[in-house]
């Protein structure tokens, strides 16, 4: 299960790491969670637009913690790889369409 969860998280961290800073992770790479992938976009407006577009695609509950903000993707055991793949694809699409 740990390897499965690490692979799911890696799908998202790979997008963060290849985004040139468009998606900025909250945690240093050595401290990243395999359960909650957290990041910010270049502005709060883009955070909101990202969450709204994600919800329109059935990708919900991505709002970050109230004291930290940004985006939080929970990829716990019950989250299927298909859901994480859909989020990854949306992240790539959103970045491409917003100049990232």
PDB file of N, CA and C in Angstrom:
ATOM      1  N   UNK A   1       0.828  -1.190   0.000  1.00  0.00           N
ATOM      2  CA  UNK A   1       0.000   0.000   0.000  1.00  0.00           C
ATOM      3  C   UNK A   1       0.875   1.257   0.000  1.00  0.00           C
ATOM      4  N   UNK A   2       1.963   1.225   0.739  1.00  0.00           N
ATOM      5  CA  UNK A   2       2.855   2.387   0.785  1.00  0.00           C
ATOM      6  C   UNK A   2       3.431   2.688  -0.597  1.00  0.00           C
ATOM      7  N   UNK A   3       3.831   1.653  -1.327  1.00  0.00           N
ATOM      8  CA  UNK A   3       4.375   1.860  -2.685  1.00  0.00           C
ATOM      9  C   UNK A   3       3.297   2.415  -3.612  1.00  0.00           C
ATOM     10  N   UNK A   4       2.088   1.925  -3.477  1.00  0.00           N
ATOM     11  CA  UNK A   4       0.968   2.394  -4.296  1.00  0.00           C
ATOM     12  C   UNK A   4       0.704   3.878  -4.027  1.00  0.00           C
ATOM     13  N   UNK A   5       0.672   4.268  -2.755  1.00  0.00           N
ATOM     14  CA  UNK A   5       0.424   5.664  -2.401  1.00  0.00           C
ATOM     15  C   UNK A   5       1.572   6.562  -2.840  1.00  0.00           C
ATOM     16  N   UNK A   6       2.798   6.087  -2.721  1.00  0.00           N
ATOM     17  CA  UNK A   6       3.954   6.872  -3.179  1.00  0.00           C
ATOM     18  C   UNK A   6       3.887   7.101  -4.683  1.00  0.00           C
ATOM     19  N   UNK A   7       3.447   6.089  -5.421  1.00  0.00           N
ATOM     20  CA  UNK A   7       3.327   6.225  -6.879  1.00  0.00           C
ATOM     21  C   UNK A   7       2.252   7.243  -7.241  1.00  0.00           C
ATOM     22  N   UNK A   8       1.148   7.241  -6.516  1.00  0.00           N
ATOM     23  CA  UNK A   8       0.085   8.226  -6.770  1.00  0.00           C
ATOM     24  C   UNK A   8       0.600   9.633  -6.498  1.00  0.00           C
ATOM     25  N   UNK A   9       1.255   9.818  -5.366  1.00  0.00           N
ATOM     26  CA  UNK A   9       1.779  11.138  -5.029  1.00  0.00           C
ATOM     27  C   UNK A   9       2.822  11.580  -6.058  1.00  0.00           C
ATOM     28  N   UNK A  10       3.657  10.655  -6.511  1.00  0.00           N
ATOM     29  CA  UNK A  10       4.704  10.975  -7.486  1.00  0.00           C
ATOM     30  C   UNK A  10       4.114  11.547  -8.769  1.00  0.00           C
ATOM     31  N   UNK A  11       2.940  11.046  -9.197  1.00  0.00           N
ATOM     32  CA  UNK A  11       2.288  11.600 -10.389  1.00  0.00           C
ATOM     33  C   UNK A  11       2.092  13.107 -10.258  1.00  0.00           C
ATOM     34  N   UNK A  12       1.685  13.540  -9.078  1.00  0.00           N
ATOM     35  CA  UNK A  12       1.430  14.965  -8.860  1.00  0.00           C
ATOM     36  C   UNK A  12       2.723  15.738  -8.611  1.00  0.00           C
ATOM     37  N   UNK A  13       3.634  15.160  -7.826  1.00  0.00           N
ATOM     38  CA  UNK A  13       4.899  15.852  -7.568  1.00  0.00           C
ATOM     39  C   UNK A  13       5.710  16.031  -8.841  1.00  0.00           C
ATOM     40  N   UNK A  14       5.605  15.099  -9.765  1.00  0.00           N
ATOM     41  CA  UNK A  14       6.315  15.257 -11.038  1.00  0.00           C
ATOM     42  C   UNK A  14       5.814  16.493 -11.788  1.00  0.00           C
ATOM     43  N   UNK A  15       4.504  16.740 -11.735  1.00  0.00           N
ATOM     44  CA  UNK A  15       3.945  17.934 -12.377  1.00  0.00           C
ATOM     45  C   UNK A  15       4.457  19.192 -11.668  1.00  0.00           C
ATOM     46  N   UNK A  16       4.439  19.187 -10.343  1.00  0.00           N
ATOM     47  CA  UNK A  16       4.950  20.337  -9.597  1.00  0.00           C
ATOM     48  C   UNK A  16       6.406  20.613  -9.968  1.00  0.00           C
ATOM     49  N   UNK A  17       7.220  19.573  -9.943  1.00  0.00           N
ATOM     50  CA  UNK A  17       8.649  19.738 -10.175  1.00  0.00           C
ATOM     51  C   UNK A  17       8.974  20.190 -11.593  1.00  0.00           C
ATOM     52  N   UNK A  18       8.125  19.842 -12.553  1.00  0.00           N
ATOM     53  CA  UNK A  18       8.374  20.200 -13.956  1.00  0.00           C
ATOM     54  C   UNK A  18       7.681  21.490 -14.373  1.00  0.00           C
ATOM     55  N   UNK A  19       7.014  22.152 -13.424  1.00  0.00           N
ATOM     56  CA  UNK A  19       6.194  23.311 -13.793  1.00  0.00           C
ATOM     57  C   UNK A  19       6.961  24.626 -13.832  1.00  0.00           C
ATOM     58  N   UNK A  20       8.232  24.608 -13.528  1.00  0.00           N
ATOM     59  CA  UNK A  20       9.003  25.849 -13.548  1.00  0.00           C
ATOM     60  C   UNK A  20       8.542  26.858 -12.518  1.00  0.00           C
ATOM     61  N   UNK A  21       7.935  26.384 -11.452  1.00  0.00           N
ATOM     62  CA  UNK A  21       7.459  27.274 -10.394  1.00  0.00           C
ATOM     63  C   UNK A  21       6.005  27.674 -10.515  1.00  0.00           C
ATOM     64  N   UNK A  22       5.329  27.305 -11.608  1.00  0.00           N
ATOM     65  CA  UNK A  22       3.908  27.626 -11.732  1.00  0.00           C
ATOM     66  C   UNK A  22       3.135  27.003 -10.579  1.00  0.00           C
ATOM     67  N   UNK A  23       3.453  25.741 -10.287  1.00  0.00           N
ATOM     68  CA  UNK A  23       2.932  25.068  -9.102  1.00  0.00           C
ATOM     69  C   UNK A  23       4.075  25.010  -8.097  1.00  0.00           C
ATOM     70  N   UNK A  24       3.900  25.684  -6.976  1.00  0.00           N
ATOM     71  CA  UNK A  24       4.950  25.724  -5.954  1.00  0.00           C
ATOM     72  C   UNK A  24       4.510  24.908  -4.748  1.00  0.00           C
ATOM     73  N   UNK A  25       5.208  23.823  -4.494  1.00  0.00           N
ATOM     74  CA  UNK A  25       4.879  22.970  -3.363  1.00  0.00           C
ATOM     75  C   UNK A  25       5.137  23.662  -2.040  1.00  0.00           C
ATOM     76  N   UNK A  26       4.325  23.350  -1.040  1.00  0.00           N
ATOM     77  CA  UNK A  26       4.513  23.911   0.297  1.00  0.00           C
ATOM     78  C   UNK A  26       5.694  23.271   1.016  1.00  0.00           C
ATOM     79  N   UNK A  27       5.860  21.979   0.836  1.00  0.00           N
ATOM     80  CA  UNK A  27       6.884  21.234   1.580  1.00  0.00           C
ATOM     81  C   UNK A  27       8.164  21.095   0.765  1.00  0.00           C
ATOM     82  N   UNK A  28       9.273  21.091   1.464  1.00  0.00           N
ATOM     83  CA  UNK A  28      10.541  20.772   0.799  1.00  0.00           C
ATOM     84  C   UNK A  28      10.463  19.334   0.302  1.00  0.00           C
ATOM     85  N   UNK A  29      11.147  19.035  -0.802  1.00  0.00           N
ATOM     86  CA  UNK A  29      11.062  17.668  -1.354  1.00  0.00           C
ATOM     87  C   UNK A  29      11.320  16.561  -0.331  1.00  0.00           C
ATOM     88  N   UNK A  30      12.243  16.736   0.568  1.00  0.00           N
ATOM     89  CA  UNK A  30      12.553  15.683   1.546  1.00  0.00           C
ATOM     90  C   UNK A  30      11.450  15.505   2.589  1.00  0.00           C
ATOM     91  N   UNK A  31      10.532  16.463   2.668  1.00  0.00           N
ATOM     92  CA  UNK A  31       9.481  16.428   3.689  1.00  0.00           C
ATOM     93  C   UNK A  31       8.085  16.214   3.097  1.00  0.00           C
ATOM     94  N   UNK A  32       8.010  15.887   1.843  1.00  0.00           N
ATOM     95  CA  UNK A  32       6.719  15.737   1.176  1.00  0.00           C
ATOM     96  C   UNK A  32       5.928  14.540   1.694  1.00  0.00           C
ATOM     97  N   UNK A  33       4.630  14.716   1.694  1.00  0.00           N
ATOM     98  CA  UNK A  33       3.700  13.679   2.130  1.00  0.00           C
ATOM     99  C   UNK A  33       3.224  12.861   0.933  1.00  0.00           C
ATOM    100  N   UNK A  34       3.042  11.576   1.137  1.00  0.00           N
ATOM    101  CA  UNK A  34       2.420  10.732   0.126  1.00  0.00           C
ATOM    102  C   UNK A  34       0.903  10.726   0.268  1.00  0.00           C
ATOM    103  N   UNK A  35       0.390  11.385   1.290  1.00  0.00           N
ATOM    104  CA  UNK A  35      -1.046  11.404   1.540  1.00  0.00           C
ATOM    105  C   UNK A  35      -1.695  12.719   1.106  1.00  0.00           C
ATOM    106  N   UNK A  36      -1.006  13.833   1.300  1.00  0.00           N
ATOM    107  CA  UNK A  36      -1.534  15.151   0.950  1.00  0.00           C
ATOM    108  C   UNK A  36      -0.489  15.902   0.154  1.00  0.00           C
ATOM    109  N   UNK A  37      -0.803  16.164  -1.109  1.00  0.00           N
ATOM    110  CA  UNK A  37       0.079  16.927  -1.981  1.00  0.00           C
ATOM    111  C   UNK A  37      -0.423  18.366  -1.950  1.00  0.00           C
ATOM    112  N   UNK A  38       0.400  19.263  -1.422  1.00  0.00           N
ATOM    113  CA  UNK A  38      -0.028  20.652  -1.239  1.00  0.00           C
ATOM    114  C   UNK A  38       0.835  21.579  -2.086  1.00  0.00           C
ATOM    115  N   UNK A  39       0.180  22.606  -2.640  1.00  0.00           N
ATOM    116  CA  UNK A  39       0.893  23.552  -3.499  1.00  0.00           C
ATOM    117  C   UNK A  39       0.085  24.825  -3.682  1.00  0.00           C
ATOM    118  N   UNK A  40       0.761  25.822  -4.214  1.00  0.00           N
ATOM    119  CA  UNK A  40       0.153  27.099  -4.574  1.00  0.00           C
ATOM    120  C   UNK A  40       0.381  27.354  -6.058  1.00  0.00           C
ATOM    121  N   UNK A  41      -0.477  28.184  -6.612  1.00  0.00           N
ATOM    122  CA  UNK A  41      -0.289  28.693  -7.954  1.00  0.00           C
ATOM    123  C   UNK A  41       0.265  30.106  -7.831  1.00  0.00           C
ATOM    124  N   UNK A  42       0.588  30.778  -8.940  1.00  0.00           N
ATOM    125  CA  UNK A  42       1.227  32.092  -8.843  1.00  0.00           C
ATOM    126  C   UNK A  42       0.413  33.181  -8.141  1.00  0.00           C
ATOM    127  N   UNK A  43      -0.897  33.007  -8.031  1.00  0.00           N
ATOM    128  CA  UNK A  43      -1.718  34.009  -7.353  1.00  0.00           C
ATOM    129  C   UNK A  43      -2.922  33.333  -6.698  1.00  0.00           C
ATOM    130  N   UNK A  44      -3.507  34.034  -5.758  1.00  0.00           N
ATOM    131  CA  UNK A  44      -4.708  33.520  -5.101  1.00  0.00           C
ATOM    132  C   UNK A  44      -5.855  33.396  -6.094  1.00  0.00           C
ATOM    133  N   UNK A  45      -5.908  34.307  -7.067  1.00  0.00           N
ATOM    134  CA  UNK A  45      -6.944  34.234  -8.094  1.00  0.00           C
ATOM    135  C   UNK A  45      -6.817  32.945  -8.910  1.00  0.00           C
ATOM    136  N   UNK A  46      -5.573  32.564  -9.231  1.00  0.00           N
ATOM    137  CA  UNK A  46      -5.366  31.317  -9.963  1.00  0.00           C
ATOM    138  C   UNK A  46      -5.673  30.105  -9.087  1.00  0.00           C
ATOM    139  N   UNK A  47      -5.390  30.187  -7.789  1.00  0.00           N
ATOM    140  CA  UNK A  47      -5.783  29.103  -6.876  1.00  0.00           C
ATOM    141  C   UNK A  47      -7.289  28.880  -6.976  1.00  0.00           C
ATOM    142  N   UNK A  48      -8.044  29.969  -6.931  1.00  0.00           N
ATOM    143  CA  UNK A  48      -9.508  29.881  -6.975  1.00  0.00           C
ATOM    144  C   UNK A  48      -9.985  29.366  -8.322  1.00  0.00           C
ATOM    145  N   UNK A  49      -9.391  29.864  -9.406  1.00  0.00           N
ATOM    146  CA  UNK A  49      -9.778  29.409 -10.742  1.00  0.00           C
ATOM    147  C   UNK A  49      -9.458  27.929 -10.924  1.00  0.00           C
ATOM    148  N   UNK A  50      -8.319  27.494 -10.396  1.00  0.00           N
ATOM    149  CA  UNK A  50      -7.933  26.091 -10.477  1.00  0.00           C
ATOM    150  C   UNK A  50      -8.965  25.227  -9.757  1.00  0.00           C
ATOM    151  N   UNK A  51      -9.315  25.598  -8.533  1.00  0.00           N
ATOM    152  CA  UNK A  51     -10.281  24.816  -7.753  1.00  0.00           C
ATOM    153  C   UNK A  51     -11.648  24.800  -8.425  1.00  0.00           C
ATOM    154  N   UNK A  52     -12.064  25.907  -8.992  1.00  0.00           N
ATOM    155  CA  UNK A  52     -13.361  25.977  -9.667  1.00  0.00           C
ATOM    156  C   UNK A  52     -13.368  25.079 -10.905  1.00  0.00           C
ATOM    157  N   UNK A  53     -12.310  25.151 -11.703  1.00  0.00           N
ATOM    158  CA  UNK A  53     -12.220  24.306 -12.889  1.00  0.00           C
ATOM    159  C   UNK A  53     -12.144  22.835 -12.533  1.00  0.00           C
ATOM    160  N   UNK A  54     -11.439  22.531 -11.459  1.00  0.00           N
ATOM    161  CA  UNK A  54     -11.334  21.144 -11.009  1.00  0.00           C
ATOM    162  C   UNK A  54     -12.710  20.627 -10.598  1.00  0.00           C
ATOM    163  N   UNK A  55     -13.452  21.429  -9.837  1.00  0.00           N
ATOM    164  CA  UNK A  55     -14.782  21.012  -9.391  1.00  0.00           C
ATOM    165  C   UNK A  55     -15.696  20.749 -10.580  1.00  0.00           C
ATOM    166  N   UNK A  56     -15.578  21.554 -11.633  1.00  0.00           N
ATOM    167  CA  UNK A  56     -16.392  21.359 -12.832  1.00  0.00           C
ATOM    168  C   UNK A  56     -16.074  20.016 -13.501  1.00  0.00           C
ATOM    169  N   UNK A  57     -14.900  19.468 -13.218  1.00  0.00           N
ATOM    170  CA  UNK A  57     -14.487  18.174 -13.768  1.00  0.00           C
ATOM    171  C   UNK A  57     -14.684  17.031 -12.765  1.00  0.00           C
ATOM    172  N   UNK A  58     -15.345  17.334 -11.657  1.00  0.00           N
ATOM    173  CA  UNK A  58     -15.597  16.314 -10.648  1.00  0.00           C
ATOM    174  C   UNK A  58     -14.433  16.086  -9.701  1.00  0.00           C
ATOM    175  N   UNK A  59     -13.449  16.959  -9.738  1.00  0.00           N
ATOM    176  CA  UNK A  59     -12.283  16.883  -8.842  1.00  0.00           C
ATOM    177  C   UNK A  59     -12.545  17.856  -7.699  1.00  0.00           C
ATOM    178  N   UNK A  60     -12.981  17.346  -6.572  1.00  0.00           N
ATOM    179  CA  UNK A  60     -13.480  18.194  -5.493  1.00  0.00           C
ATOM    180  C   UNK A  60     -12.606  18.108  -4.247  1.00  0.00           C
ATOM    181  N   UNK A  61     -12.902  18.990  -3.304  1.00  0.00           N
ATOM    182  CA  UNK A  61     -12.228  19.035  -2.009  1.00  0.00           C
ATOM    183  C   UNK A  61     -10.731  19.293  -2.153  1.00  0.00           C
ATOM    184  N   UNK A  62     -10.378  20.231  -3.016  1.00  0.00           N
ATOM    185  CA  UNK A  62      -8.973  20.559  -3.246  1.00  0.00           C
ATOM    186  C   UNK A  62      -8.523  21.828  -2.521  1.00  0.00           C
ATOM    187  N   UNK A  63      -9.425  22.457  -1.797  1.00  0.00           N
ATOM    188  CA  UNK A  63      -9.064  23.683  -1.099  1.00  0.00           C
ATOM    189  C   UNK A  63      -8.029  23.382  -0.022  1.00  0.00           C
ATOM    190  N   UNK A  64      -7.008  24.228   0.042  1.00  0.00           N
ATOM    191  CA  UNK A  64      -5.961  24.064   1.038  1.00  0.00           C
ATOM    192  C   UNK A  64      -6.445  24.363   2.448  1.00  0.00           C
ATOM    193  N   UNK A  65      -5.598  24.089   3.395  1.00  0.00           N
ATOM    194  CA  UNK A  65      -5.898  24.344   4.800  1.00  0.00           C
ATOM    195  C   UNK A  65      -6.163  25.830   5.011  1.00  0.00           C
ATOM    196  N   UNK A  66      -7.098  26.152   5.895  1.00  0.00           N
ATOM    197  CA  UNK A  66      -7.513  27.553   6.086  1.00  0.00           C
ATOM    198  C   UNK A  66      -6.370  28.468   6.507  1.00  0.00           C
ATOM    199  N   UNK A  67      -5.372  27.957   7.196  1.00  0.00           N
ATOM    200  CA  UNK A  67      -4.268  28.826   7.633  1.00  0.00           C
ATOM    201  C   UNK A  67      -3.120  28.864   6.623  1.00  0.00           C
ATOM    202  N   UNK A  68      -3.124  27.953   5.658  1.00  0.00           N
ATOM    203  CA  UNK A  68      -2.029  27.884   4.686  1.00  0.00           C
ATOM    204  C   UNK A  68      -2.483  28.311   3.299  1.00  0.00           C
ATOM    205  N   UNK A  69      -3.714  27.979   2.945  1.00  0.00           N
ATOM    206  CA  UNK A  69      -4.229  28.320   1.626  1.00  0.00           C
ATOM    207  C   UNK A  69      -3.717  27.390   0.552  1.00  0.00           C
ATOM    208  N   UNK A  70      -3.835  27.834  -0.684  1.00  0.00           N
ATOM    209  CA  UNK A  70      -3.388  27.040  -1.804  1.00  0.00           C
ATOM    210  C   UNK A  70      -4.302  25.858  -2.078  1.00  0.00           C
ATOM    211  N   UNK A  71      -3.701  24.795  -2.582  1.00  0.00           N
ATOM    212  CA  UNK A  71      -4.420  23.596  -2.996  1.00  0.00           C
ATOM    213  C   UNK A  71      -3.895  22.409  -2.202  1.00  0.00           C
ATOM    214  N   UNK A  72      -4.795  21.516  -1.818  1.00  0.00           N
ATOM    215  CA  UNK A  72      -4.393  20.281  -1.142  1.00  0.00           C
ATOM    216  C   UNK A  72      -5.123  19.120  -1.796  1.00  0.00           C
ATOM    217  N   UNK A  73      -4.349  18.222  -2.399  1.00  0.00           N
ATOM    218  CA  UNK A  73      -4.911  17.016  -2.999  1.00  0.00           C
ATOM    219  C   UNK A  73      -4.659  15.855  -2.051  1.00  0.00           C
ATOM    220  N   UNK A  74      -5.708  15.322  -1.486  1.00  0.00           N
ATOM    221  CA  UNK A  74      -5.583  14.167  -0.601  1.00  0.00           C
ATOM    222  C   UNK A  74      -5.634  12.911  -1.448  1.00  0.00           C
ATOM    223  N   UNK A  75      -4.579  12.102  -1.367  1.00  0.00           N
ATOM    224  CA  UNK A  75      -4.485  10.891  -2.178  1.00  0.00           C
ATOM    225  C   UNK A  75      -4.366   9.669  -1.265  1.00  0.00           C
ATOM    226  N   UNK A  76      -5.217   9.659  -0.239  1.00  0.00           N
ATOM    227  CA  UNK A  76      -5.234   8.569   0.724  1.00  0.00           C
ATOM    228  C   UNK A  76      -5.504   7.233   0.050  1.00  0.00           C
ATOM    229  N   UNK A  77      -5.437   6.157   0.820  1.00  0.00           N
ATOM    230  CA  UNK A  77      -5.591   4.795   0.314  1.00  0.00           C
ATOM    231  C   UNK A  77      -6.808   4.618  -0.584  1.00  0.00           C
ATOM    232  N   UNK A  78      -7.932   5.221  -0.219  1.00  0.00           N
ATOM    233  CA  UNK A  78      -9.172   5.013  -0.965  1.00  0.00           C
ATOM    234  C   UNK A  78      -9.206   5.756  -2.301  1.00  0.00           C
ATOM    235  N   UNK A  79      -8.304   6.704  -2.521  1.00  0.00           N
ATOM    236  CA  UNK A  79      -8.289   7.441  -3.783  1.00  0.00           C
ATOM    237  C   UNK A  79      -7.707   6.548  -4.873  1.00  0.00           C
ATOM    238  N   UNK A  80      -8.496   6.248  -5.906  1.00  0.00           N
ATOM    239  CA  UNK A  80      -7.986   5.384  -6.964  1.00  0.00           C
ATOM    240  C   UNK A  80      -6.965   6.114  -7.847  1.00  0.00           C
ATOM    241  N   UNK A  81      -6.090   5.373  -8.455  1.00  0.00           N
ATOM    242  CA  UNK A  81      -5.071   5.945  -9.338  1.00  0.00           C
ATOM    243  C   UNK A  81      -5.725   6.736 -10.471  1.00  0.00           C
ATOM    244  N   UNK A  82      -6.907   6.321 -10.902  1.00  0.00           N
ATOM    245  CA  UNK A  82      -7.603   7.030 -11.976  1.00  0.00           C
ATOM    246  C   UNK A  82      -7.937   8.463 -11.569  1.00  0.00           C
ATOM    247  N   UNK A  83      -8.327   8.662 -10.319  1.00  0.00           N
ATOM    248  CA  UNK A  83      -8.620  10.008  -9.841  1.00  0.00           C
ATOM    249  C   UNK A  83      -7.381  10.880  -9.814  1.00  0.00           C
ATOM    250  N   UNK A  84      -6.277  10.316  -9.395  1.00  0.00           N
ATOM    251  CA  UNK A  84      -5.012  11.069  -9.355  1.00  0.00           C
ATOM    252  C   UNK A  84      -4.554  11.377 -10.770  1.00  0.00           C
ATOM    253  N   UNK A  85      -4.726  10.447 -11.683  1.00  0.00           N
ATOM    254  CA  UNK A  85      -4.358  10.675 -13.078  1.00  0.00           C
ATOM    255  C   UNK A  85      -5.204  11.782 -13.691  1.00  0.00           C
ATOM    256  N   UNK A  86      -6.497  11.808 -13.368  1.00  0.00           N
ATOM    257  CA  UNK A  86      -7.370  12.886 -13.860  1.00  0.00           C
ATOM    258  C   UNK A  86      -6.920  14.237 -13.321  1.00  0.00           C
ATOM    259  N   UNK A  87      -6.517  14.287 -12.050  1.00  0.00           N
ATOM    260  CA  UNK A  87      -6.023  15.534 -11.480  1.00  0.00           C
ATOM    261  C   UNK A  87      -4.726  15.950 -12.155  1.00  0.00           C
ATOM    262  N   UNK A  88      -3.821  15.000 -12.343  1.00  0.00           N
ATOM    263  CA  UNK A  88      -2.559  15.309 -13.023  1.00  0.00           C
ATOM    264  C   UNK A  88      -2.820  15.906 -14.411  1.00  0.00           C
ATOM    265  N   UNK A  89      -3.712  15.282 -15.155  1.00  0.00           N
ATOM    266  CA  UNK A  89      -4.022  15.765 -16.504  1.00  0.00           C
ATOM    267  C   UNK A  89      -4.618  17.164 -16.453  1.00  0.00           C
ATOM    268  N   UNK A  90      -5.483  17.422 -15.480  1.00  0.00           N
ATOM    269  CA  UNK A  90      -6.062  18.759 -15.329  1.00  0.00           C
ATOM    270  C   UNK A  90      -4.979  19.774 -14.971  1.00  0.00           C
ATOM    271  N   UNK A  91      -4.053  19.401 -14.108  1.00  0.00           N
ATOM    272  CA  UNK A  91      -2.967  20.312 -13.742  1.00  0.00           C
ATOM    273  C   UNK A  91      -2.161  20.704 -14.979  1.00  0.00           C
ATOM    274  N   UNK A  92      -1.860  19.747 -15.819  1.00  0.00           N
ATOM    275  CA  UNK A  92      -1.111  20.029 -17.050  1.00  0.00           C
ATOM    276  C   UNK A  92      -1.911  20.944 -17.977  1.00  0.00           C
ATOM    277  N   UNK A  93      -3.188  20.654 -18.124  1.00  0.00           N
ATOM    278  CA  UNK A  93      -4.071  21.470 -18.963  1.00  0.00           C
ATOM    279  C   UNK A  93      -4.188  22.894 -18.422  1.00  0.00           C
ATOM    280  N   UNK A  94      -4.387  23.008 -17.115  1.00  0.00           N
ATOM    281  CA  UNK A  94      -4.559  24.338 -16.504  1.00  0.00           C
ATOM    282  C   UNK A  94      -3.293  25.175 -16.685  1.00  0.00           C
ATOM    283  N   UNK A  95      -2.159  24.594 -16.446  1.00  0.00           N
ATOM    284  CA  UNK A  95      -0.902  25.321 -16.618  1.00  0.00           C
ATOM    285  C   UNK A  95      -0.725  25.782 -18.057  1.00  0.00           C
ATOM    286  N   UNK A  96      -1.002  24.913 -18.998  1.00  0.00           N
ATOM    287  CA  UNK A  96      -0.849  25.257 -20.415  1.00  0.00           C
ATOM    288  C   UNK A  96      -1.794  26.396 -20.810  1.00  0.00           C
ATOM    289  N   UNK A  97      -2.990  26.407 -20.257  1.00  0.00           N
ATOM    290  CA  UNK A  97      -3.976  27.430 -20.641  1.00  0.00           C
ATOM    291  C   UNK A  97      -3.843  28.730 -19.850  1.00  0.00           C
ATOM    292  N   UNK A  98      -2.987  28.755 -18.852  1.00  0.00           N
ATOM    293  CA  UNK A  98      -2.814  29.960 -18.040  1.00  0.00           C
ATOM    294  C   UNK A  98      -1.361  30.477 -18.079  1.00  0.00           C
ATOM    295  N   UNK A  99      -0.684  30.143 -19.132  1.00  0.00           N
ATOM    296  CA  UNK A  99       0.638  30.730 -19.358  1.00  0.00           C
ATOM    297  C   UNK A  99       1.761  30.215 -18.533  1.00  0.00           C
ATOM    298  N   UNK A 100       1.584  29.044 -17.931  1.00  0.00           N
ATOM    299  CA  UNK A 100       2.631  28.524 -17.069  1.00  0.00           C
ATOM    300  C   UNK A 100       3.633  27.663 -17.782  1.00  0.00           C
TER     301      UNK A 100
END
